[in-house]
Amino acid sequence: MFNLKCVDKKKILVQSVVVCFIVLFSACKKEVLPKPAAYLRLDYPMAQYAHFENSCPFAFDINAKAIIKGEKDCGFTISYPKMKATIYLTYKPVNNNLNKLLRDAQKLTFEHVIKADDILEQPYLNPEKKVYGMFYQVDGNAATNSQFYLTDSTRHFLTGSVYFYAKPNFDSIMPAASYIKNDMQHLMETLSWK
């Protein structure tokens, strides 16, 4: 009878050691975490530009993939259907109202301060063509990510801003916003007054 108790103790000891090893090794698993939401990688083709000119008092180059439509009073929409975005161009003649036009353009940009993380200003000067202005890059979940104004300071004033037809989420539209920002800057650099 004494030997039977001794065997039972050994059996219980072996079983305890096995259970401890199982618990110990099963506790070493890495914790499973859900993967964060991801966005599609969006690559766009290299932009090719075409010259645009009509009866309005200015001309510029636009992306050949964009669709331009004339509005009233030399205003235009430049659409990017695949990106669900549109650049709105508004032209106004300067008639001793340059300060008001500048204030209105700046006010339009700074209305986005509520949602913007940052607004970067980049002056643009081209004395040869008499084109002067400002480019605004609006970072964050604002309704517009890029805006600009251009003037010759005596006769012409042109503003432009891009809007996406989606809920503002800068992380998801950033590739398209960067692509269109480059197009807007190219438009500014190639603009000439007539």
N, C-alpha and C. Protein backbone atom coordinates (compact mmCIF):
# COMPACT_ATOMS: atom_id res chain seq x y z
N MET A 1 0.81 -1.17 0.00
CA MET A 1 0.00 0.00 0.00
C MET A 1 0.87 1.26 0.00
N PHE A 2 1.99 1.17 0.70
CA PHE A 2 2.91 2.28 0.76
C PHE A 2 3.46 2.63 -0.61
N ASN A 3 3.75 1.64 -1.45
CA ASN A 3 4.27 1.88 -2.80
C ASN A 3 3.22 2.54 -3.70
N LEU A 4 2.00 2.19 -3.51
CA LEU A 4 0.93 2.78 -4.33
C LEU A 4 0.81 4.28 -4.09
N LYS A 5 0.92 4.71 -2.83
CA LYS A 5 0.86 6.13 -2.52
C LYS A 5 2.05 6.86 -3.13
N CYS A 6 3.19 6.23 -3.10
CA CYS A 6 4.39 6.83 -3.66
C CYS A 6 4.25 7.00 -5.18
N VAL A 7 3.67 6.02 -5.87
CA VAL A 7 3.45 6.10 -7.31
C VAL A 7 2.45 7.20 -7.62
N ASP A 8 1.41 7.32 -6.82
CA ASP A 8 0.41 8.36 -7.04
C ASP A 8 1.02 9.75 -6.88
N LYS A 9 1.92 9.90 -5.92
CA LYS A 9 2.56 11.19 -5.72
C LYS A 9 3.44 11.54 -6.91
N LYS A 10 4.17 10.53 -7.42
CA LYS A 10 5.03 10.77 -8.59
C LYS A 10 4.17 11.14 -9.80
N LYS A 11 3.05 10.45 -9.96
CA LYS A 11 2.16 10.71 -11.08
C LYS A 11 1.57 12.11 -10.99
N ILE A 12 1.18 12.48 -9.79
CA ILE A 12 0.62 13.82 -9.58
C ILE A 12 1.69 14.88 -9.82
N LEU A 13 2.92 14.63 -9.40
CA LEU A 13 4.01 15.57 -9.61
C LEU A 13 4.30 15.75 -11.10
N VAL A 14 4.33 14.64 -11.86
CA VAL A 14 4.58 14.71 -13.30
C VAL A 14 3.44 15.47 -13.99
N GLN A 15 2.23 15.18 -13.61
CA GLN A 15 1.09 15.87 -14.21
C GLN A 15 1.12 17.38 -13.89
N SER A 16 1.51 17.72 -12.69
CA SER A 16 1.61 19.14 -12.30
C SER A 16 2.66 19.86 -13.12
N VAL A 17 3.81 19.20 -13.32
CA VAL A 17 4.88 19.80 -14.10
C VAL A 17 4.43 19.99 -15.55
N VAL A 18 3.74 19.01 -16.13
CA VAL A 18 3.24 19.09 -17.50
C VAL A 18 2.23 20.25 -17.62
N VAL A 19 1.32 20.35 -16.69
CA VAL A 19 0.33 21.43 -16.70
C VAL A 19 1.01 22.79 -16.58
N CYS A 20 2.02 22.90 -15.73
CA CYS A 20 2.76 24.16 -15.58
C CYS A 20 3.45 24.54 -16.89
N PHE A 21 4.08 23.57 -17.56
CA PHE A 21 4.72 23.85 -18.84
C PHE A 21 3.70 24.29 -19.90
N ILE A 22 2.56 23.66 -19.93
CA ILE A 22 1.52 24.02 -20.90
C ILE A 22 1.03 25.44 -20.64
N VAL A 23 0.76 25.77 -19.40
CA VAL A 23 0.30 27.10 -19.05
C VAL A 23 1.39 28.13 -19.35
N LEU A 24 2.62 27.80 -19.00
CA LEU A 24 3.73 28.71 -19.22
C LEU A 24 3.95 29.00 -20.71
N PHE A 25 3.96 27.97 -21.54
CA PHE A 25 4.20 28.17 -22.97
C PHE A 25 2.99 28.75 -23.70
N SER A 26 1.80 28.46 -23.25
CA SER A 26 0.63 29.04 -23.91
C SER A 26 0.49 30.52 -23.56
N ALA A 27 1.04 30.95 -22.45
CA ALA A 27 0.99 32.36 -22.06
C ALA A 27 1.99 33.20 -22.83
N CYS A 28 2.91 32.58 -23.56
CA CYS A 28 3.94 33.32 -24.28
C CYS A 28 3.51 33.74 -25.68
N LYS A 29 2.28 33.46 -26.07
CA LYS A 29 1.82 33.86 -27.39
C LYS A 29 1.73 35.39 -27.45
N LYS A 30 1.99 35.93 -28.64
CA LYS A 30 1.84 37.36 -28.83
C LYS A 30 0.36 37.70 -28.83
N GLU A 31 0.07 38.87 -28.29
CA GLU A 31 -1.31 39.31 -28.25
C GLU A 31 -1.76 39.68 -29.65
N VAL A 32 -2.92 39.20 -30.02
CA VAL A 32 -3.45 39.47 -31.35
C VAL A 32 -4.17 40.81 -31.32
N LEU A 33 -3.73 41.73 -32.19
CA LEU A 33 -4.34 43.06 -32.29
C LEU A 33 -4.99 43.22 -33.65
N PRO A 34 -6.12 43.89 -33.71
CA PRO A 34 -6.72 44.14 -35.03
C PRO A 34 -5.85 45.10 -35.83
N LYS A 35 -5.80 44.90 -37.12
CA LYS A 35 -5.01 45.77 -37.99
C LYS A 35 -5.75 47.09 -38.19
N PRO A 36 -5.02 48.20 -38.23
CA PRO A 36 -5.68 49.48 -38.47
C PRO A 36 -6.22 49.55 -39.90
N ALA A 37 -7.22 50.41 -40.07
CA ALA A 37 -7.78 50.60 -41.41
C ALA A 37 -6.69 51.14 -42.34
N ALA A 38 -6.65 50.63 -43.54
CA ALA A 38 -5.64 51.06 -44.51
C ALA A 38 -6.31 51.74 -45.70
N TYR A 39 -5.54 52.52 -46.42
CA TYR A 39 -6.03 53.20 -47.60
C TYR A 39 -5.34 52.63 -48.82
N LEU A 40 -6.03 52.70 -49.94
CA LEU A 40 -5.44 52.22 -51.18
C LEU A 40 -4.26 53.10 -51.57
N ARG A 41 -3.27 52.49 -52.17
CA ARG A 41 -2.16 53.27 -52.70
C ARG A 41 -2.61 53.81 -54.05
N LEU A 42 -2.53 55.12 -54.20
CA LEU A 42 -2.97 55.76 -55.43
C LEU A 42 -1.77 56.35 -56.14
N ASP A 43 -1.51 55.86 -57.32
CA ASP A 43 -0.45 56.40 -58.16
C ASP A 43 -1.09 57.02 -59.38
N TYR A 44 -0.65 58.22 -59.71
CA TYR A 44 -1.22 58.92 -60.85
C TYR A 44 -0.16 59.08 -61.93
N PRO A 45 -0.58 59.14 -63.18
CA PRO A 45 0.40 59.27 -64.27
C PRO A 45 1.09 60.63 -64.23
N MET A 46 2.28 60.68 -64.80
CA MET A 46 3.02 61.93 -64.89
C MET A 46 2.16 62.93 -65.67
N ALA A 47 2.05 64.13 -65.13
CA ALA A 47 1.20 65.15 -65.76
C ALA A 47 1.81 65.65 -67.07
N GLN A 48 0.95 65.76 -68.07
CA GLN A 48 1.32 66.38 -69.34
C GLN A 48 0.42 67.58 -69.51
N TYR A 49 1.02 68.71 -69.86
CA TYR A 49 0.27 69.96 -69.88
C TYR A 49 -0.01 70.44 -71.29
N ALA A 50 -1.15 71.11 -71.43
CA ALA A 50 -1.56 71.70 -72.70
C ALA A 50 -1.87 73.17 -72.46
N HIS A 51 -1.58 73.99 -73.44
CA HIS A 51 -1.82 75.43 -73.31
C HIS A 51 -3.32 75.70 -73.49
N PHE A 52 -3.87 76.56 -72.63
CA PHE A 52 -5.27 76.94 -72.73
C PHE A 52 -5.36 78.44 -72.92
N GLU A 53 -6.13 78.82 -73.95
CA GLU A 53 -6.32 80.23 -74.23
C GLU A 53 -7.67 80.41 -74.90
N ASN A 54 -8.38 81.46 -74.53
CA ASN A 54 -9.63 81.82 -75.19
C ASN A 54 -9.75 83.34 -75.19
N SER A 55 -10.95 83.87 -75.21
CA SER A 55 -11.12 85.32 -75.30
C SER A 55 -10.91 86.04 -73.96
N CYS A 56 -10.71 85.33 -72.88
CA CYS A 56 -10.48 85.95 -71.58
C CYS A 56 -9.09 86.60 -71.54
N PRO A 57 -8.87 87.53 -70.62
CA PRO A 57 -7.60 88.29 -70.62
C PRO A 57 -6.41 87.56 -69.99
N PHE A 58 -6.40 86.25 -70.03
CA PHE A 58 -5.28 85.48 -69.50
C PHE A 58 -5.21 84.14 -70.21
N ALA A 59 -4.05 83.50 -70.11
CA ALA A 59 -3.82 82.16 -70.68
C ALA A 59 -2.93 81.40 -69.71
N PHE A 60 -3.01 80.07 -69.76
CA PHE A 60 -2.22 79.24 -68.85
C PHE A 60 -2.16 77.82 -69.38
N ASP A 61 -1.35 76.99 -68.75
CA ASP A 61 -1.26 75.56 -69.08
C ASP A 61 -2.05 74.77 -68.05
N ILE A 62 -2.77 73.73 -68.54
CA ILE A 62 -3.49 72.84 -67.62
C ILE A 62 -3.11 71.40 -67.94
N ASN A 63 -3.39 70.53 -67.00
CA ASN A 63 -3.16 69.10 -67.17
C ASN A 63 -4.04 68.60 -68.32
N ALA A 64 -3.45 67.88 -69.24
CA ALA A 64 -4.19 67.37 -70.40
C ALA A 64 -5.29 66.39 -70.00
N LYS A 65 -5.19 65.76 -68.83
CA LYS A 65 -6.21 64.81 -68.36
C LYS A 65 -7.40 65.51 -67.71
N ALA A 66 -7.26 66.79 -67.39
CA ALA A 66 -8.34 67.53 -66.74
C ALA A 66 -9.33 68.04 -67.79
N ILE A 67 -10.54 68.30 -67.33
CA ILE A 67 -11.61 68.80 -68.20
C ILE A 67 -11.93 70.23 -67.78
N ILE A 68 -11.75 71.17 -68.71
CA ILE A 68 -12.00 72.57 -68.39
C ILE A 68 -13.32 73.01 -69.02
N LYS A 69 -14.12 73.74 -68.23
CA LYS A 69 -15.39 74.28 -68.71
C LYS A 69 -15.46 75.75 -68.35
N GLY A 70 -15.90 76.55 -69.31
CA GLY A 70 -16.05 77.98 -69.08
C GLY A 70 -17.33 78.28 -68.34
N GLU A 71 -17.24 79.20 -67.43
CA GLU A 71 -18.40 79.69 -66.69
C GLU A 71 -18.60 81.15 -67.11
N LYS A 72 -19.44 81.88 -66.42
CA LYS A 72 -19.67 83.28 -66.79
C LYS A 72 -18.52 84.16 -66.32
N ASP A 73 -18.32 85.27 -66.99
CA ASP A 73 -17.34 86.30 -66.63
C ASP A 73 -15.92 85.75 -66.49
N CYS A 74 -15.50 84.90 -67.41
CA CYS A 74 -14.15 84.34 -67.45
C CYS A 74 -13.81 83.52 -66.22
N GLY A 75 -14.80 82.89 -65.64
CA GLY A 75 -14.57 81.91 -64.58
C GLY A 75 -14.53 80.53 -65.21
N PHE A 76 -13.81 79.61 -64.58
CA PHE A 76 -13.67 78.27 -65.15
C PHE A 76 -13.72 77.22 -64.05
N THR A 77 -14.13 76.01 -64.46
CA THR A 77 -13.98 74.84 -63.59
C THR A 77 -13.05 73.87 -64.31
N ILE A 78 -12.09 73.37 -63.58
CA ILE A 78 -11.16 72.37 -64.10
C ILE A 78 -11.41 71.10 -63.30
N SER A 79 -12.02 70.11 -63.95
CA SER A 79 -12.45 68.89 -63.25
C SER A 79 -11.46 67.75 -63.42
N TYR A 80 -11.36 66.96 -62.36
CA TYR A 80 -10.58 65.73 -62.33
C TYR A 80 -11.54 64.61 -61.91
N PRO A 81 -12.29 64.04 -62.88
CA PRO A 81 -13.34 63.08 -62.52
C PRO A 81 -12.84 61.86 -61.75
N LYS A 82 -11.68 61.32 -62.11
CA LYS A 82 -11.18 60.12 -61.41
C LYS A 82 -10.80 60.42 -59.96
N MET A 83 -10.48 61.66 -59.67
CA MET A 83 -10.11 62.04 -58.31
C MET A 83 -11.26 62.69 -57.57
N LYS A 84 -12.38 62.89 -58.25
CA LYS A 84 -13.55 63.55 -57.69
C LYS A 84 -13.18 64.91 -57.11
N ALA A 85 -12.51 65.71 -57.95
CA ALA A 85 -12.06 67.03 -57.51
C ALA A 85 -12.27 68.05 -58.62
N THR A 86 -12.41 69.31 -58.23
CA THR A 86 -12.56 70.41 -59.19
C THR A 86 -11.81 71.63 -58.68
N ILE A 87 -11.10 72.27 -59.60
CA ILE A 87 -10.49 73.56 -59.32
C ILE A 87 -11.44 74.63 -59.85
N TYR A 88 -11.79 75.59 -59.02
CA TYR A 88 -12.66 76.69 -59.41
C TYR A 88 -11.81 77.94 -59.60
N LEU A 89 -11.84 78.51 -60.81
CA LEU A 89 -11.13 79.74 -61.11
C LEU A 89 -12.14 80.88 -61.23
N THR A 90 -11.86 82.00 -60.59
CA THR A 90 -12.73 83.16 -60.64
C THR A 90 -11.90 84.36 -61.05
N TYR A 91 -12.36 85.06 -62.09
CA TYR A 91 -11.66 86.24 -62.57
C TYR A 91 -12.45 87.49 -62.22
N LYS A 92 -11.73 88.53 -61.79
CA LYS A 92 -12.36 89.83 -61.52
C LYS A 92 -11.43 90.92 -62.06
N PRO A 93 -11.99 91.91 -62.75
CA PRO A 93 -11.16 93.04 -63.17
C PRO A 93 -10.85 93.94 -61.96
N VAL A 94 -9.69 94.53 -61.97
CA VAL A 94 -9.31 95.46 -60.91
C VAL A 94 -9.74 96.86 -61.34
N ASN A 95 -10.59 97.49 -60.53
CA ASN A 95 -11.08 98.86 -60.77
C ASN A 95 -10.95 99.63 -59.46
N ASN A 96 -9.75 100.00 -59.09
CA ASN A 96 -9.50 100.68 -57.82
C ASN A 96 -10.03 99.90 -56.62
N ASN A 97 -10.09 98.58 -56.74
CA ASN A 97 -10.61 97.73 -55.66
C ASN A 97 -9.64 96.60 -55.31
N LEU A 98 -8.36 96.78 -55.58
CA LEU A 98 -7.38 95.71 -55.33
C LEU A 98 -7.33 95.31 -53.86
N ASN A 99 -7.38 96.27 -52.95
CA ASN A 99 -7.34 95.94 -51.52
C ASN A 99 -8.53 95.07 -51.12
N LYS A 100 -9.71 95.38 -51.63
CA LYS A 100 -10.90 94.57 -51.32
C LYS A 100 -10.76 93.16 -51.89
N LEU A 101 -10.27 93.05 -53.13
CA LEU A 101 -10.08 91.74 -53.74
C LEU A 101 -9.07 90.90 -52.96
N LEU A 102 -7.99 91.53 -52.51
CA LEU A 102 -6.99 90.81 -51.71
C LEU A 102 -7.57 90.36 -50.38
N ARG A 103 -8.31 91.25 -49.71
CA ARG A 103 -8.94 90.87 -48.43
C ARG A 103 -9.91 89.71 -48.61
N ASP A 104 -10.73 89.76 -49.68
CA ASP A 104 -11.70 88.69 -49.93
C ASP A 104 -10.99 87.36 -50.18
N ALA A 105 -9.91 87.38 -50.96
CA ALA A 105 -9.17 86.14 -51.25
C ALA A 105 -8.54 85.58 -49.98
N GLN A 106 -7.98 86.44 -49.16
CA GLN A 106 -7.36 85.98 -47.91
C GLN A 106 -8.42 85.51 -46.92
N LYS A 107 -9.54 86.19 -46.88
CA LYS A 107 -10.63 85.80 -45.98
C LYS A 107 -11.15 84.41 -46.35
N LEU A 108 -11.30 84.15 -47.65
CA LEU A 108 -11.76 82.85 -48.10
C LEU A 108 -10.83 81.74 -47.61
N THR A 109 -9.53 81.98 -47.67
CA THR A 109 -8.56 80.98 -47.22
C THR A 109 -8.63 80.80 -45.71
N PHE A 110 -8.63 81.89 -44.97
CA PHE A 110 -8.54 81.78 -43.53
C PHE A 110 -9.86 81.42 -42.85
N GLU A 111 -10.94 81.28 -43.62
CA GLU A 111 -12.18 80.72 -43.07
C GLU A 111 -12.01 79.24 -42.73
N HIS A 112 -10.99 78.61 -43.28
CA HIS A 112 -10.73 77.18 -43.04
C HIS A 112 -9.88 76.93 -41.81
N VAL A 113 -9.55 77.99 -41.06
CA VAL A 113 -8.72 77.85 -39.87
C VAL A 113 -9.35 76.90 -38.85
N ILE A 114 -10.66 76.87 -38.78
CA ILE A 114 -11.36 76.03 -37.81
C ILE A 114 -10.98 74.56 -37.98
N LYS A 115 -10.95 74.07 -39.20
CA LYS A 115 -10.65 72.66 -39.47
C LYS A 115 -9.19 72.41 -39.83
N ALA A 116 -8.47 73.46 -40.20
CA ALA A 116 -7.09 73.29 -40.68
C ALA A 116 -6.12 73.08 -39.53
N ASP A 117 -5.12 72.23 -39.78
CA ASP A 117 -4.02 72.07 -38.83
C ASP A 117 -2.99 73.18 -39.02
N ASP A 118 -2.83 73.61 -40.26
CA ASP A 118 -1.84 74.62 -40.59
C ASP A 118 -2.17 75.22 -41.95
N ILE A 119 -1.85 76.48 -42.15
CA ILE A 119 -2.01 77.12 -43.46
C ILE A 119 -0.64 77.69 -43.84
N LEU A 120 -0.06 77.15 -44.89
CA LEU A 120 1.25 77.60 -45.36
C LEU A 120 1.08 78.58 -46.51
N GLU A 121 1.72 79.71 -46.41
CA GLU A 121 1.65 80.74 -47.45
C GLU A 121 2.94 80.70 -48.26
N GLN A 122 2.80 80.73 -49.58
CA GLN A 122 3.96 80.74 -50.46
C GLN A 122 3.77 81.86 -51.48
N PRO A 123 4.51 82.98 -51.32
CA PRO A 123 4.36 84.08 -52.27
C PRO A 123 4.84 83.67 -53.66
N TYR A 124 4.22 84.27 -54.68
CA TYR A 124 4.63 84.02 -56.06
C TYR A 124 4.88 85.37 -56.74
N LEU A 125 6.06 85.53 -57.32
CA LEU A 125 6.43 86.76 -58.01
C LEU A 125 7.05 86.42 -59.35
N ASN A 126 6.50 87.01 -60.41
CA ASN A 126 7.07 86.88 -61.74
C ASN A 126 7.02 88.26 -62.41
N PRO A 127 8.04 89.09 -62.12
CA PRO A 127 8.02 90.47 -62.65
C PRO A 127 8.04 90.55 -64.17
N GLU A 128 8.66 89.55 -64.84
CA GLU A 128 8.70 89.57 -66.31
C GLU A 128 7.31 89.53 -66.91
N LYS A 129 6.44 88.69 -66.36
CA LYS A 129 5.07 88.56 -66.86
C LYS A 129 4.08 89.44 -66.09
N LYS A 130 4.57 90.15 -65.08
CA LYS A 130 3.73 90.96 -64.21
C LYS A 130 2.64 90.12 -63.54
N VAL A 131 3.06 88.99 -62.99
CA VAL A 131 2.15 88.09 -62.29
C VAL A 131 2.65 87.99 -60.85
N TYR A 132 1.78 88.39 -59.91
CA TYR A 132 2.12 88.37 -58.50
C TYR A 132 0.98 87.70 -57.75
N GLY A 133 1.31 86.98 -56.71
CA GLY A 133 0.23 86.34 -55.97
C GLY A 133 0.70 85.57 -54.76
N MET A 134 -0.19 84.69 -54.30
CA MET A 134 0.07 83.88 -53.11
C MET A 134 -0.58 82.52 -53.32
N PHE A 135 0.16 81.49 -52.91
CA PHE A 135 -0.36 80.12 -52.93
C PHE A 135 -0.53 79.68 -51.48
N TYR A 136 -1.69 79.13 -51.15
CA TYR A 136 -1.97 78.67 -49.79
C TYR A 136 -2.13 77.15 -49.81
N GLN A 137 -1.40 76.48 -48.93
CA GLN A 137 -1.60 75.05 -48.73
C GLN A 137 -2.25 74.88 -47.37
N VAL A 138 -3.44 74.30 -47.35
CA VAL A 138 -4.21 74.13 -46.12
C VAL A 138 -4.08 72.68 -45.69
N ASP A 139 -3.40 72.44 -44.57
CA ASP A 139 -3.21 71.08 -44.06
C ASP A 139 -4.30 70.76 -43.06
N GLY A 140 -4.76 69.53 -43.09
CA GLY A 140 -5.81 69.09 -42.18
C GLY A 140 -7.08 68.75 -42.93
N ASN A 141 -8.16 68.56 -42.20
CA ASN A 141 -9.43 68.12 -42.78
C ASN A 141 -10.31 69.30 -43.18
N ALA A 142 -9.74 70.26 -43.86
CA ALA A 142 -10.50 71.42 -44.34
C ALA A 142 -11.18 71.08 -45.66
N ALA A 143 -12.15 71.89 -46.04
CA ALA A 143 -12.89 71.64 -47.28
C ALA A 143 -12.02 71.80 -48.52
N THR A 144 -11.04 72.66 -48.46
CA THR A 144 -10.12 72.86 -49.58
C THR A 144 -8.69 72.70 -49.08
N ASN A 145 -7.83 72.14 -49.91
CA ASN A 145 -6.44 71.91 -49.51
C ASN A 145 -5.48 72.90 -50.14
N SER A 146 -5.89 73.53 -51.24
CA SER A 146 -5.01 74.47 -51.94
C SER A 146 -5.83 75.61 -52.51
N GLN A 147 -5.29 76.82 -52.37
CA GLN A 147 -5.92 78.01 -52.93
C GLN A 147 -4.83 78.96 -53.38
N PHE A 148 -5.18 79.84 -54.31
CA PHE A 148 -4.22 80.86 -54.73
C PHE A 148 -4.95 82.09 -55.24
N TYR A 149 -4.21 83.17 -55.35
CA TYR A 149 -4.68 84.33 -56.10
C TYR A 149 -3.50 84.89 -56.88
N LEU A 150 -3.81 85.47 -58.03
CA LEU A 150 -2.83 86.09 -58.91
C LEU A 150 -3.36 87.43 -59.38
N THR A 151 -2.46 88.38 -59.57
CA THR A 151 -2.85 89.71 -60.05
C THR A 151 -1.67 90.36 -60.75
N ASP A 152 -1.99 91.35 -61.58
CA ASP A 152 -0.93 92.19 -62.13
C ASP A 152 -0.90 93.50 -61.35
N SER A 153 -1.78 93.63 -60.37
CA SER A 153 -1.94 94.75 -59.44
C SER A 153 -2.54 96.01 -60.06
N THR A 154 -2.90 95.96 -61.35
CA THR A 154 -3.51 97.14 -61.96
C THR A 154 -4.83 96.83 -62.69
N ARG A 155 -4.91 95.66 -63.35
CA ARG A 155 -6.10 95.39 -64.17
C ARG A 155 -6.75 94.02 -63.92
N HIS A 156 -5.99 93.02 -63.52
CA HIS A 156 -6.50 91.64 -63.47
C HIS A 156 -6.33 91.03 -62.08
N PHE A 157 -7.32 90.17 -61.73
CA PHE A 157 -7.26 89.44 -60.46
C PHE A 157 -7.91 88.07 -60.67
N LEU A 158 -7.18 86.99 -60.36
CA LEU A 158 -7.67 85.62 -60.57
C LEU A 158 -7.46 84.83 -59.29
N THR A 159 -8.52 84.13 -58.84
CA THR A 159 -8.41 83.25 -57.68
C THR A 159 -8.69 81.82 -58.11
N GLY A 160 -8.13 80.87 -57.37
CA GLY A 160 -8.37 79.46 -57.64
C GLY A 160 -8.38 78.67 -56.35
N SER A 161 -9.27 77.69 -56.28
CA SER A 161 -9.30 76.79 -55.12
C SER A 161 -9.80 75.43 -55.57
N VAL A 162 -9.30 74.40 -54.89
CA VAL A 162 -9.67 73.03 -55.24
C VAL A 162 -10.61 72.48 -54.17
N TYR A 163 -11.62 71.75 -54.61
CA TYR A 163 -12.56 71.09 -53.70
C TYR A 163 -12.72 69.64 -54.14
N PHE A 164 -12.78 68.75 -53.15
CA PHE A 164 -13.00 67.33 -53.40
C PHE A 164 -14.44 66.99 -53.06
N TYR A 165 -15.02 66.09 -53.83
CA TYR A 165 -16.40 65.66 -53.59
C TYR A 165 -16.39 64.44 -52.69
N ALA A 166 -15.86 64.63 -51.50
CA ALA A 166 -15.78 63.57 -50.50
C ALA A 166 -15.68 64.25 -49.14
N LYS A 167 -15.99 63.51 -48.10
CA LYS A 167 -15.84 64.05 -46.75
C LYS A 167 -14.37 64.37 -46.54
N PRO A 168 -14.06 65.57 -46.01
CA PRO A 168 -12.65 65.93 -45.83
C PRO A 168 -11.94 64.97 -44.89
N ASN A 169 -10.99 64.24 -45.41
CA ASN A 169 -10.12 63.36 -44.64
C ASN A 169 -8.76 63.44 -45.32
N PHE A 170 -7.92 64.31 -44.80
CA PHE A 170 -6.67 64.64 -45.48
C PHE A 170 -5.81 63.41 -45.74
N ASP A 171 -5.81 62.43 -44.82
CA ASP A 171 -4.98 61.25 -45.02
C ASP A 171 -5.39 60.46 -46.26
N SER A 172 -6.68 60.36 -46.51
CA SER A 172 -7.13 59.53 -47.63
C SER A 172 -7.04 60.25 -48.97
N ILE A 173 -7.15 61.58 -48.98
CA ILE A 173 -7.09 62.30 -50.26
C ILE A 173 -5.73 62.92 -50.53
N MET A 174 -4.77 62.70 -49.63
CA MET A 174 -3.47 63.36 -49.78
C MET A 174 -2.78 63.10 -51.12
N PRO A 175 -2.77 61.86 -51.66
CA PRO A 175 -2.12 61.68 -52.97
C PRO A 175 -2.77 62.52 -54.07
N ALA A 176 -4.09 62.55 -54.10
CA ALA A 176 -4.79 63.36 -55.10
C ALA A 176 -4.59 64.84 -54.84
N ALA A 177 -4.61 65.25 -53.58
CA ALA A 177 -4.41 66.66 -53.24
C ALA A 177 -3.01 67.13 -53.65
N SER A 178 -2.01 66.28 -53.47
CA SER A 178 -0.64 66.65 -53.88
C SER A 178 -0.52 66.76 -55.39
N TYR A 179 -1.17 65.83 -56.09
CA TYR A 179 -1.15 65.85 -57.56
C TYR A 179 -1.78 67.13 -58.10
N ILE A 180 -2.94 67.48 -57.57
CA ILE A 180 -3.64 68.68 -58.03
C ILE A 180 -2.91 69.95 -57.58
N LYS A 181 -2.30 69.91 -56.40
CA LYS A 181 -1.51 71.06 -55.94
C LYS A 181 -0.40 71.37 -56.94
N ASN A 182 0.26 70.34 -57.44
CA ASN A 182 1.31 70.54 -58.45
C ASN A 182 0.73 71.16 -59.73
N ASP A 183 -0.46 70.71 -60.12
CA ASP A 183 -1.11 71.28 -61.30
C ASP A 183 -1.46 72.76 -61.08
N MET A 184 -1.92 73.09 -59.88
CA MET A 184 -2.26 74.48 -59.58
C MET A 184 -1.00 75.36 -59.61
N GLN A 185 0.08 74.85 -59.06
CA GLN A 185 1.32 75.63 -59.08
C GLN A 185 1.83 75.79 -60.51
N HIS A 186 1.66 74.76 -61.34
CA HIS A 186 2.06 74.87 -62.75
C HIS A 186 1.19 75.91 -63.47
N LEU A 187 -0.09 75.92 -63.17
CA LEU A 187 -1.00 76.92 -63.74
C LEU A 187 -0.51 78.33 -63.37
N MET A 188 -0.15 78.52 -62.11
CA MET A 188 0.34 79.83 -61.66
C MET A 188 1.61 80.24 -62.41
N GLU A 189 2.52 79.28 -62.54
CA GLU A 189 3.82 79.57 -63.17
C GLU A 189 3.70 79.86 -64.66
N THR A 190 2.66 79.34 -65.31
CA THR A 190 2.52 79.52 -66.76
C THR A 190 1.50 80.61 -67.12
N LEU A 191 0.82 81.17 -66.12
CA LEU A 191 -0.19 82.19 -66.41
C LEU A 191 0.44 83.45 -66.99
N SER A 192 -0.20 83.97 -68.01
CA SER A 192 0.23 85.24 -68.59
C SER A 192 -1.01 86.08 -68.88
N TRP A 193 -0.90 87.38 -68.70
CA TRP A 193 -2.01 88.30 -68.97
C TRP A 193 -1.95 88.74 -70.42
N LYS A 194 -3.08 89.05 -70.99
CA LYS A 194 -3.15 89.53 -72.36
C LYS A 194 -3.25 91.03 -72.38
